[in-house]
PDB file of N, CA and C in Angstrom:
ATOM      1  N   UNK A   1    -100.678 -18.146 -40.704  1.00  0.00           N
ATOM      2  CA  UNK A   1     -99.557 -18.992 -40.436  1.00  0.00           C
ATOM      3  C   UNK A   1     -98.653 -18.344 -39.342  1.00  0.00           C
ATOM      4  N   UNK A   2     -98.626 -17.065 -39.283  1.00  0.00           N
ATOM      5  CA  UNK A   2     -97.816 -16.363 -38.275  1.00  0.00           C
ATOM      6  C   UNK A   2     -98.187 -16.802 -36.907  1.00  0.00           C
ATOM      7  N   UNK A   3     -99.490 -16.923 -36.608  1.00  0.00           N
ATOM      8  CA  UNK A   3     -99.913 -17.288 -35.315  1.00  0.00           C
ATOM      9  C   UNK A   3     -99.536 -18.728 -34.886  1.00  0.00           C
ATOM     10  N   UNK A   4     -99.438 -19.606 -35.816  1.00  0.00           N
ATOM     11  CA  UNK A   4     -99.035 -21.022 -35.489  1.00  0.00           C
ATOM     12  C   UNK A   4     -97.514 -21.173 -35.336  1.00  0.00           C
ATOM     13  N   UNK A   5     -96.716 -20.319 -35.938  1.00  0.00           N
ATOM     14  CA  UNK A   5     -95.292 -20.390 -35.831  1.00  0.00           C
ATOM     15  C   UNK A   5     -94.775 -19.729 -34.578  1.00  0.00           C
ATOM     16  N   UNK A   6     -95.412 -18.655 -34.200  1.00  0.00           N
ATOM     17  CA  UNK A   6     -94.926 -17.869 -33.037  1.00  0.00           C
ATOM     18  C   UNK A   6     -94.803 -18.678 -31.803  1.00  0.00           C
ATOM     19  N   UNK A   7     -95.812 -19.460 -31.385  1.00  0.00           N
ATOM     20  CA  UNK A   7     -95.686 -20.311 -30.150  1.00  0.00           C
ATOM     21  C   UNK A   7     -94.491 -21.233 -30.264  1.00  0.00           C
ATOM     22  N   UNK A   8     -94.271 -21.784 -31.422  1.00  0.00           N
ATOM     23  CA  UNK A   8     -93.130 -22.698 -31.604  1.00  0.00           C
ATOM     24  C   UNK A   8     -91.785 -21.929 -31.361  1.00  0.00           C
ATOM     25  N   UNK A   9     -91.701 -20.773 -31.927  1.00  0.00           N
ATOM     26  CA  UNK A   9     -90.489 -19.957 -31.800  1.00  0.00           C
ATOM     27  C   UNK A   9     -90.275 -19.610 -30.279  1.00  0.00           C
ATOM     28  N   UNK A  10     -91.360 -19.281 -29.634  1.00  0.00           N
ATOM     29  CA  UNK A  10     -91.214 -18.924 -28.195  1.00  0.00           C
ATOM     30  C   UNK A  10     -90.834 -20.151 -27.402  1.00  0.00           C
ATOM     31  N   UNK A  11     -91.370 -21.312 -27.739  1.00  0.00           N
ATOM     32  CA  UNK A  11     -91.058 -22.557 -26.988  1.00  0.00           C
ATOM     33  C   UNK A  11     -89.657 -22.923 -27.201  1.00  0.00           C
ATOM     34  N   UNK A  12     -89.085 -22.859 -28.440  1.00  0.00           N
ATOM     35  CA  UNK A  12     -87.743 -23.224 -28.722  1.00  0.00           C
ATOM     36  C   UNK A  12     -86.790 -22.284 -28.033  1.00  0.00           C
ATOM     37  N   UNK A  13     -87.077 -20.938 -28.084  1.00  0.00           N
ATOM     38  CA  UNK A  13     -86.241 -19.959 -27.476  1.00  0.00           C
ATOM     39  C   UNK A  13     -86.218 -20.106 -25.961  1.00  0.00           C
ATOM     40  N   UNK A  14     -87.317 -20.413 -25.392  1.00  0.00           N
ATOM     41  CA  UNK A  14     -87.396 -20.684 -23.919  1.00  0.00           C
ATOM     42  C   UNK A  14     -86.596 -21.871 -23.535  1.00  0.00           C
ATOM     43  N   UNK A  15     -86.673 -22.937 -24.353  1.00  0.00           N
ATOM     44  CA  UNK A  15     -85.916 -24.187 -24.042  1.00  0.00           C
ATOM     45  C   UNK A  15     -84.417 -23.869 -24.165  1.00  0.00           C
ATOM     46  N   UNK A  16     -83.971 -23.096 -25.091  1.00  0.00           N
ATOM     47  CA  UNK A  16     -82.565 -22.806 -25.265  1.00  0.00           C
ATOM     48  C   UNK A  16     -82.044 -22.014 -24.074  1.00  0.00           C
ATOM     49  N   UNK A  17     -82.907 -21.152 -23.563  1.00  0.00           N
ATOM     50  CA  UNK A  17     -82.471 -20.277 -22.362  1.00  0.00           C
ATOM     51  C   UNK A  17     -82.288 -21.169 -21.153  1.00  0.00           C
ATOM     52  N   UNK A  18     -83.144 -22.185 -21.021  1.00  0.00           N
ATOM     53  CA  UNK A  18     -83.072 -23.029 -19.815  1.00  0.00           C
ATOM     54  C   UNK A  18     -81.924 -24.048 -19.791  1.00  0.00           C
ATOM     55  N   UNK A  19     -81.274 -24.203 -20.931  1.00  0.00           N
ATOM     56  CA  UNK A  19     -80.201 -25.231 -20.952  1.00  0.00           C
ATOM     57  C   UNK A  19     -79.005 -24.659 -20.252  1.00  0.00           C
ATOM     58  N   UNK A  20     -78.551 -25.335 -19.216  1.00  0.00           N
ATOM     59  CA  UNK A  20     -77.426 -24.825 -18.417  1.00  0.00           C
ATOM     60  C   UNK A  20     -76.130 -24.802 -19.229  1.00  0.00           C
ATOM     61  N   UNK A  21     -75.292 -23.822 -18.984  1.00  0.00           N
ATOM     62  CA  UNK A  21     -73.999 -23.744 -19.688  1.00  0.00           C
ATOM     63  C   UNK A  21     -73.110 -24.879 -19.351  1.00  0.00           C
ATOM     64  N   UNK A  22     -73.245 -25.420 -18.092  1.00  0.00           N
ATOM     65  CA  UNK A  22     -72.367 -26.556 -17.721  1.00  0.00           C
ATOM     66  C   UNK A  22     -72.550 -27.763 -18.597  1.00  0.00           C
ATOM     67  N   UNK A  23     -73.694 -27.885 -19.276  1.00  0.00           N
ATOM     68  CA  UNK A  23     -73.947 -29.066 -20.058  1.00  0.00           C
ATOM     69  C   UNK A  23     -73.015 -29.045 -21.318  1.00  0.00           C
ATOM     70  N   UNK A  24     -72.432 -27.882 -21.651  1.00  0.00           N
ATOM     71  CA  UNK A  24     -71.593 -27.808 -22.800  1.00  0.00           C
ATOM     72  C   UNK A  24     -70.169 -28.353 -22.482  1.00  0.00           C
ATOM     73  N   UNK A  25     -69.879 -28.560 -21.204  1.00  0.00           N
ATOM     74  CA  UNK A  25     -68.549 -29.075 -20.862  1.00  0.00           C
ATOM     75  C   UNK A  25     -68.481 -30.564 -21.049  1.00  0.00           C
ATOM     76  N   UNK A  26     -67.497 -31.053 -21.753  1.00  0.00           N
ATOM     77  CA  UNK A  26     -67.357 -32.451 -22.077  1.00  0.00           C
ATOM     78  C   UNK A  26     -66.498 -33.094 -21.004  1.00  0.00           C
ATOM     79  N   UNK A  27     -66.845 -33.035 -19.726  1.00  0.00           N
ATOM     80  CA  UNK A  27     -66.042 -33.555 -18.671  1.00  0.00           C
ATOM     81  C   UNK A  27     -65.924 -35.037 -18.785  1.00  0.00           C
ATOM     82  N   UNK A  28     -64.645 -35.522 -18.814  1.00  0.00           N
ATOM     83  CA  UNK A  28     -64.437 -36.942 -18.913  1.00  0.00           C
ATOM     84  C   UNK A  28     -64.468 -37.549 -20.300  1.00  0.00           C
ATOM     85  N   UNK A  29     -64.758 -36.711 -21.281  1.00  0.00           N
ATOM     86  CA  UNK A  29     -64.749 -37.174 -22.673  1.00  0.00           C
ATOM     87  C   UNK A  29     -63.394 -36.856 -23.284  1.00  0.00           C
ATOM     88  N   UNK A  30     -62.705 -37.894 -23.780  1.00  0.00           N
ATOM     89  CA  UNK A  30     -61.311 -37.629 -24.356  1.00  0.00           C
ATOM     90  C   UNK A  30     -61.382 -36.689 -25.537  1.00  0.00           C
ATOM     91  N   UNK A  31     -60.290 -35.890 -25.706  1.00  0.00           N
ATOM     92  CA  UNK A  31     -60.220 -35.027 -26.838  1.00  0.00           C
ATOM     93  C   UNK A  31     -60.160 -35.858 -28.140  1.00  0.00           C
ATOM     94  N   UNK A  32     -60.767 -35.318 -29.189  1.00  0.00           N
ATOM     95  CA  UNK A  32     -60.741 -36.055 -30.475  1.00  0.00           C
ATOM     96  C   UNK A  32     -61.960 -36.994 -30.621  1.00  0.00           C
ATOM     97  N   UNK A  33     -62.834 -37.083 -29.562  1.00  0.00           N
ATOM     98  CA  UNK A  33     -64.015 -37.918 -29.639  1.00  0.00           C
ATOM     99  C   UNK A  33     -65.064 -37.247 -30.463  1.00  0.00           C
ATOM    100  N   UNK A  34     -65.717 -37.913 -31.370  1.00  0.00           N
ATOM    101  CA  UNK A  34     -66.825 -37.342 -32.174  1.00  0.00           C
ATOM    102  C   UNK A  34     -68.090 -37.482 -31.427  1.00  0.00           C
ATOM    103  N   UNK A  35     -68.846 -36.403 -31.315  1.00  0.00           N
ATOM    104  CA  UNK A  35     -70.131 -36.423 -30.593  1.00  0.00           C
ATOM    105  C   UNK A  35     -71.211 -36.026 -31.550  1.00  0.00           C
ATOM    106  N   UNK A  36     -72.283 -36.828 -31.633  1.00  0.00           N
ATOM    107  CA  UNK A  36     -73.437 -36.556 -32.484  1.00  0.00           C
ATOM    108  C   UNK A  36     -74.535 -36.019 -31.590  1.00  0.00           C
ATOM    109  N   UNK A  37     -75.219 -35.020 -32.084  1.00  0.00           N
ATOM    110  CA  UNK A  37     -76.226 -34.314 -31.290  1.00  0.00           C
ATOM    111  C   UNK A  37     -77.430 -33.967 -32.170  1.00  0.00           C
ATOM    112  N   UNK A  38     -78.675 -34.171 -31.617  1.00  0.00           N
ATOM    113  CA  UNK A  38     -79.852 -33.749 -32.279  1.00  0.00           C
ATOM    114  C   UNK A  38     -80.894 -33.391 -31.214  1.00  0.00           C
ATOM    115  N   UNK A  39     -81.990 -32.802 -31.626  1.00  0.00           N
ATOM    116  CA  UNK A  39     -83.040 -32.447 -30.698  1.00  0.00           C
ATOM    117  C   UNK A  39     -84.385 -32.685 -31.302  1.00  0.00           C
ATOM    118  N   UNK A  40     -85.398 -32.913 -30.507  1.00  0.00           N
ATOM    119  CA  UNK A  40     -86.813 -33.059 -31.002  1.00  0.00           C
ATOM    120  C   UNK A  40     -87.702 -32.205 -30.160  1.00  0.00           C
ATOM    121  N   UNK A  41     -88.594 -31.473 -30.767  1.00  0.00           N
ATOM    122  CA  UNK A  41     -89.561 -30.616 -30.083  1.00  0.00           C
ATOM    123  C   UNK A  41     -90.941 -31.218 -30.180  1.00  0.00           C
ATOM    124  N   UNK A  42     -91.577 -31.428 -29.011  1.00  0.00           N
ATOM    125  CA  UNK A  42     -92.978 -31.834 -28.954  1.00  0.00           C
ATOM    126  C   UNK A  42     -93.737 -30.675 -28.432  1.00  0.00           C
ATOM    127  N   UNK A  43     -94.895 -30.329 -29.071  1.00  0.00           N
ATOM    128  CA  UNK A  43     -95.665 -29.209 -28.614  1.00  0.00           C
ATOM    129  C   UNK A  43     -97.086 -29.358 -28.979  1.00  0.00           C
ATOM    130  N   UNK A  44     -97.958 -28.529 -28.477  1.00  0.00           N
ATOM    131  CA  UNK A  44     -99.402 -28.551 -28.753  1.00  0.00           C
ATOM    132  C   UNK A  44     -99.822 -27.124 -29.126  1.00  0.00           C
ATOM    133  N   UNK A  45    -100.776 -27.031 -29.979  1.00  0.00           N
ATOM    134  CA  UNK A  45    -101.374 -25.721 -30.340  1.00  0.00           C
ATOM    135  C   UNK A  45    -102.840 -25.788 -30.042  1.00  0.00           C
ATOM    136  N   UNK A  46    -103.264 -24.929 -29.092  1.00  0.00           N
ATOM    137  CA  UNK A  46    -104.647 -24.957 -28.651  1.00  0.00           C
ATOM    138  C   UNK A  46    -105.038 -26.279 -28.040  1.00  0.00           C
ATOM    139  N   UNK A  47    -104.154 -26.903 -27.400  1.00  0.00           N
ATOM    140  CA  UNK A  47    -104.381 -28.183 -26.766  1.00  0.00           C
ATOM    141  C   UNK A  47    -104.368 -29.411 -27.658  1.00  0.00           C
ATOM    142  N   UNK A  48    -104.074 -29.130 -28.948  1.00  0.00           N
ATOM    143  CA  UNK A  48    -103.983 -30.257 -29.954  1.00  0.00           C
ATOM    144  C   UNK A  48    -102.488 -30.588 -30.184  1.00  0.00           C
ATOM    145  N   UNK A  49    -102.172 -31.826 -29.871  1.00  0.00           N
ATOM    146  CA  UNK A  49    -100.741 -32.233 -30.068  1.00  0.00           C
ATOM    147  C   UNK A  49    -100.389 -32.116 -31.546  1.00  0.00           C
ATOM    148  N   UNK A  50     -99.179 -31.623 -31.767  1.00  0.00           N
ATOM    149  CA  UNK A  50     -98.674 -31.516 -33.152  1.00  0.00           C
ATOM    150  C   UNK A  50     -97.546 -32.542 -33.401  1.00  0.00           C
ATOM    151  N   UNK A  51     -97.299 -32.755 -34.613  1.00  0.00           N
ATOM    152  CA  UNK A  51     -96.221 -33.744 -34.966  1.00  0.00           C
ATOM    153  C   UNK A  51     -94.873 -33.198 -34.427  1.00  0.00           C
ATOM    154  N   UNK A  52     -94.066 -34.126 -33.871  1.00  0.00           N
ATOM    155  CA  UNK A  52     -92.757 -33.714 -33.365  1.00  0.00           C
ATOM    156  C   UNK A  52     -91.901 -33.119 -34.508  1.00  0.00           C
ATOM    157  N   UNK A  53     -91.055 -32.210 -34.185  1.00  0.00           N
ATOM    158  CA  UNK A  53     -90.128 -31.647 -35.184  1.00  0.00           C
ATOM    159  C   UNK A  53     -88.716 -32.004 -34.721  1.00  0.00           C
ATOM    160  N   UNK A  54     -87.959 -32.660 -35.616  1.00  0.00           N
ATOM    161  CA  UNK A  54     -86.654 -33.051 -35.261  1.00  0.00           C
ATOM    162  C   UNK A  54     -85.639 -32.154 -35.937  1.00  0.00           C
ATOM    163  N   UNK A  55     -84.538 -31.862 -35.243  1.00  0.00           N
ATOM    164  CA  UNK A  55     -83.440 -31.020 -35.841  1.00  0.00           C
ATOM    165  C   UNK A  55     -82.532 -31.914 -36.725  1.00  0.00           C
ATOM    166  N   UNK A  56     -81.638 -31.228 -37.418  1.00  0.00           N
ATOM    167  CA  UNK A  56     -80.643 -31.979 -38.146  1.00  0.00           C
ATOM    168  C   UNK A  56     -79.670 -32.597 -37.163  1.00  0.00           C
ATOM    169  N   UNK A  57     -79.041 -33.681 -37.635  1.00  0.00           N
ATOM    170  CA  UNK A  57     -77.961 -34.263 -36.803  1.00  0.00           C
ATOM    171  C   UNK A  57     -76.706 -33.451 -36.976  1.00  0.00           C
ATOM    172  N   UNK A  58     -76.072 -33.061 -35.839  1.00  0.00           N
ATOM    173  CA  UNK A  58     -74.841 -32.266 -35.899  1.00  0.00           C
ATOM    174  C   UNK A  58     -73.781 -33.037 -35.182  1.00  0.00           C
ATOM    175  N   UNK A  59     -72.593 -33.065 -35.759  1.00  0.00           N
ATOM    176  CA  UNK A  59     -71.417 -33.764 -35.163  1.00  0.00           C
ATOM    177  C   UNK A  59     -70.387 -32.735 -34.893  1.00  0.00           C
ATOM    178  N   UNK A  60     -69.625 -32.955 -33.801  1.00  0.00           N
ATOM    179  CA  UNK A  60     -68.479 -32.063 -33.446  1.00  0.00           C
ATOM    180  C   UNK A  60     -67.437 -32.952 -32.776  1.00  0.00           C
ATOM    181  N   UNK A  61     -66.211 -32.466 -32.823  1.00  0.00           N
ATOM    182  CA  UNK A  61     -65.099 -33.147 -32.114  1.00  0.00           C
ATOM    183  C   UNK A  61     -64.789 -32.479 -30.848  1.00  0.00           C
ATOM    184  N   UNK A  62     -64.607 -33.230 -29.775  1.00  0.00           N
ATOM    185  CA  UNK A  62     -64.290 -32.719 -28.476  1.00  0.00           C
ATOM    186  C   UNK A  62     -62.803 -32.203 -28.587  1.00  0.00           C
ATOM    187  N   UNK A  63     -62.584 -31.036 -28.067  1.00  0.00           N
ATOM    188  CA  UNK A  63     -61.280 -30.369 -28.117  1.00  0.00           C
ATOM    189  C   UNK A  63     -60.623 -30.382 -26.740  1.00  0.00           C
ATOM    190  N   UNK A  64     -59.319 -30.084 -26.738  1.00  0.00           N
ATOM    191  CA  UNK A  64     -58.623 -29.957 -25.451  1.00  0.00           C
ATOM    192  C   UNK A  64     -59.005 -28.736 -24.748  1.00  0.00           C
ATOM    193  N   UNK A  65     -59.151 -28.842 -23.410  1.00  0.00           N
ATOM    194  CA  UNK A  65     -59.394 -27.616 -22.610  1.00  0.00           C
ATOM    195  C   UNK A  65     -58.159 -27.421 -21.789  1.00  0.00           C
ATOM    196  N   UNK A  66     -57.652 -26.213 -21.900  1.00  0.00           N
ATOM    197  CA  UNK A  66     -56.466 -25.854 -21.083  1.00  0.00           C
ATOM    198  C   UNK A  66     -56.734 -24.715 -20.137  1.00  0.00           C
ATOM    199  N   UNK A  67     -56.176 -24.743 -18.939  1.00  0.00           N
ATOM    200  CA  UNK A  67     -56.250 -23.610 -18.024  1.00  0.00           C
ATOM    201  C   UNK A  67     -54.931 -22.889 -18.015  1.00  0.00           C
ATOM    202  N   UNK A  68     -55.072 -21.594 -18.243  1.00  0.00           N
ATOM    203  CA  UNK A  68     -53.857 -20.742 -18.306  1.00  0.00           C
ATOM    204  C   UNK A  68     -53.999 -19.701 -17.232  1.00  0.00           C
ATOM    205  N   UNK A  69     -52.835 -19.517 -16.455  1.00  0.00           N
ATOM    206  CA  UNK A  69     -52.792 -18.445 -15.502  1.00  0.00           C
ATOM    207  C   UNK A  69     -51.681 -17.457 -15.964  1.00  0.00           C
ATOM    208  N   UNK A  70     -52.034 -16.280 -16.124  1.00  0.00           N
ATOM    209  CA  UNK A  70     -51.127 -15.211 -16.625  1.00  0.00           C
ATOM    210  C   UNK A  70     -50.836 -14.257 -15.473  1.00  0.00           C
ATOM    211  N   UNK A  71     -49.523 -14.128 -15.142  1.00  0.00           N
ATOM    212  CA  UNK A  71     -49.150 -13.192 -14.075  1.00  0.00           C
ATOM    213  C   UNK A  71     -48.126 -12.211 -14.606  1.00  0.00           C
ATOM    214  N   UNK A  72     -47.959 -11.141 -13.903  1.00  0.00           N
ATOM    215  CA  UNK A  72     -47.003 -10.130 -14.284  1.00  0.00           C
ATOM    216  C   UNK A  72     -45.863 -10.057 -13.323  1.00  0.00           C
ATOM    217  N   UNK A  73     -44.736  -9.683 -13.802  1.00  0.00           N
ATOM    218  CA  UNK A  73     -43.523  -9.507 -12.865  1.00  0.00           C
ATOM    219  C   UNK A  73     -43.404  -8.026 -12.462  1.00  0.00           C
ATOM    220  N   UNK A  74     -44.237  -7.128 -13.026  1.00  0.00           N
ATOM    221  CA  UNK A  74     -44.188  -5.752 -12.663  1.00  0.00           C
ATOM    222  C   UNK A  74     -44.709  -5.559 -11.207  1.00  0.00           C
ATOM    223  N   UNK A  75     -44.047  -4.725 -10.452  1.00  0.00           N
ATOM    224  CA  UNK A  75     -44.448  -4.484  -9.053  1.00  0.00           C
ATOM    225  C   UNK A  75     -45.666  -3.526  -9.001  1.00  0.00           C
ATOM    226  N   UNK A  76     -45.741  -2.583  -9.948  1.00  0.00           N
ATOM    227  CA  UNK A  76     -46.780  -1.616  -9.904  1.00  0.00           C
ATOM    228  C   UNK A  76     -48.008  -1.994 -10.668  1.00  0.00           C
ATOM    229  N   UNK A  77     -49.020  -1.148 -10.616  1.00  0.00           N
ATOM    230  CA  UNK A  77     -50.291  -1.367 -11.304  1.00  0.00           C
ATOM    231  C   UNK A  77     -50.042  -1.309 -12.850  1.00  0.00           C
ATOM    232  N   UNK A  78     -50.791  -2.004 -13.594  1.00  0.00           N
ATOM    233  CA  UNK A  78     -50.677  -2.054 -15.056  1.00  0.00           C
ATOM    234  C   UNK A  78     -51.896  -1.409 -15.623  1.00  0.00           C
ATOM    235  N   UNK A  79     -51.699  -0.363 -16.485  1.00  0.00           N
ATOM    236  CA  UNK A  79     -52.853   0.278 -17.089  1.00  0.00           C
ATOM    237  C   UNK A  79     -53.221  -0.445 -18.381  1.00  0.00           C
ATOM    238  N   UNK A  80     -54.497  -0.716 -18.519  1.00  0.00           N
ATOM    239  CA  UNK A  80     -55.016  -1.434 -19.720  1.00  0.00           C
ATOM    240  C   UNK A  80     -56.029  -0.480 -20.339  1.00  0.00           C
ATOM    241  N   UNK A  81     -55.896  -0.217 -21.639  1.00  0.00           N
ATOM    242  CA  UNK A  81     -56.794   0.586 -22.385  1.00  0.00           C
ATOM    243  C   UNK A  81     -57.627  -0.236 -23.337  1.00  0.00           C
ATOM    244  N   UNK A  82     -58.904   0.077 -23.556  1.00  0.00           N
ATOM    245  CA  UNK A  82     -59.684  -0.675 -24.510  1.00  0.00           C
ATOM    246  C   UNK A  82     -59.077  -0.617 -25.918  1.00  0.00           C
ATOM    247  N   UNK A  83     -59.044  -1.682 -26.579  1.00  0.00           N
ATOM    248  CA  UNK A  83     -58.540  -1.771 -27.931  1.00  0.00           C
ATOM    249  C   UNK A  83     -57.088  -1.943 -28.048  1.00  0.00           C
ATOM    250  N   UNK A  84     -56.359  -1.920 -26.864  1.00  0.00           N
ATOM    251  CA  UNK A  84     -54.841  -2.054 -27.007  1.00  0.00           C
ATOM    252  C   UNK A  84     -54.443  -3.497 -27.041  1.00  0.00           C
TER     253      UNK A  84
END
């Protein structure tokens, strides 16, 4: 069974790596909108097509995105230490 699961794991991992981060941005979608998402994997083992595997349906609410600019009024350099 290990041999039949490994190609599927590699396929899913590869697909997740190829998904661009920009797709996660909900540009133009109003905050508070519910979004439903699911995925289906089609694959073949040894050239034999396997039954598609569907993920669970996942819902999330679009949140507000804010851009914040932080500036300092100090004229000199500011020292920042890890963990401070």
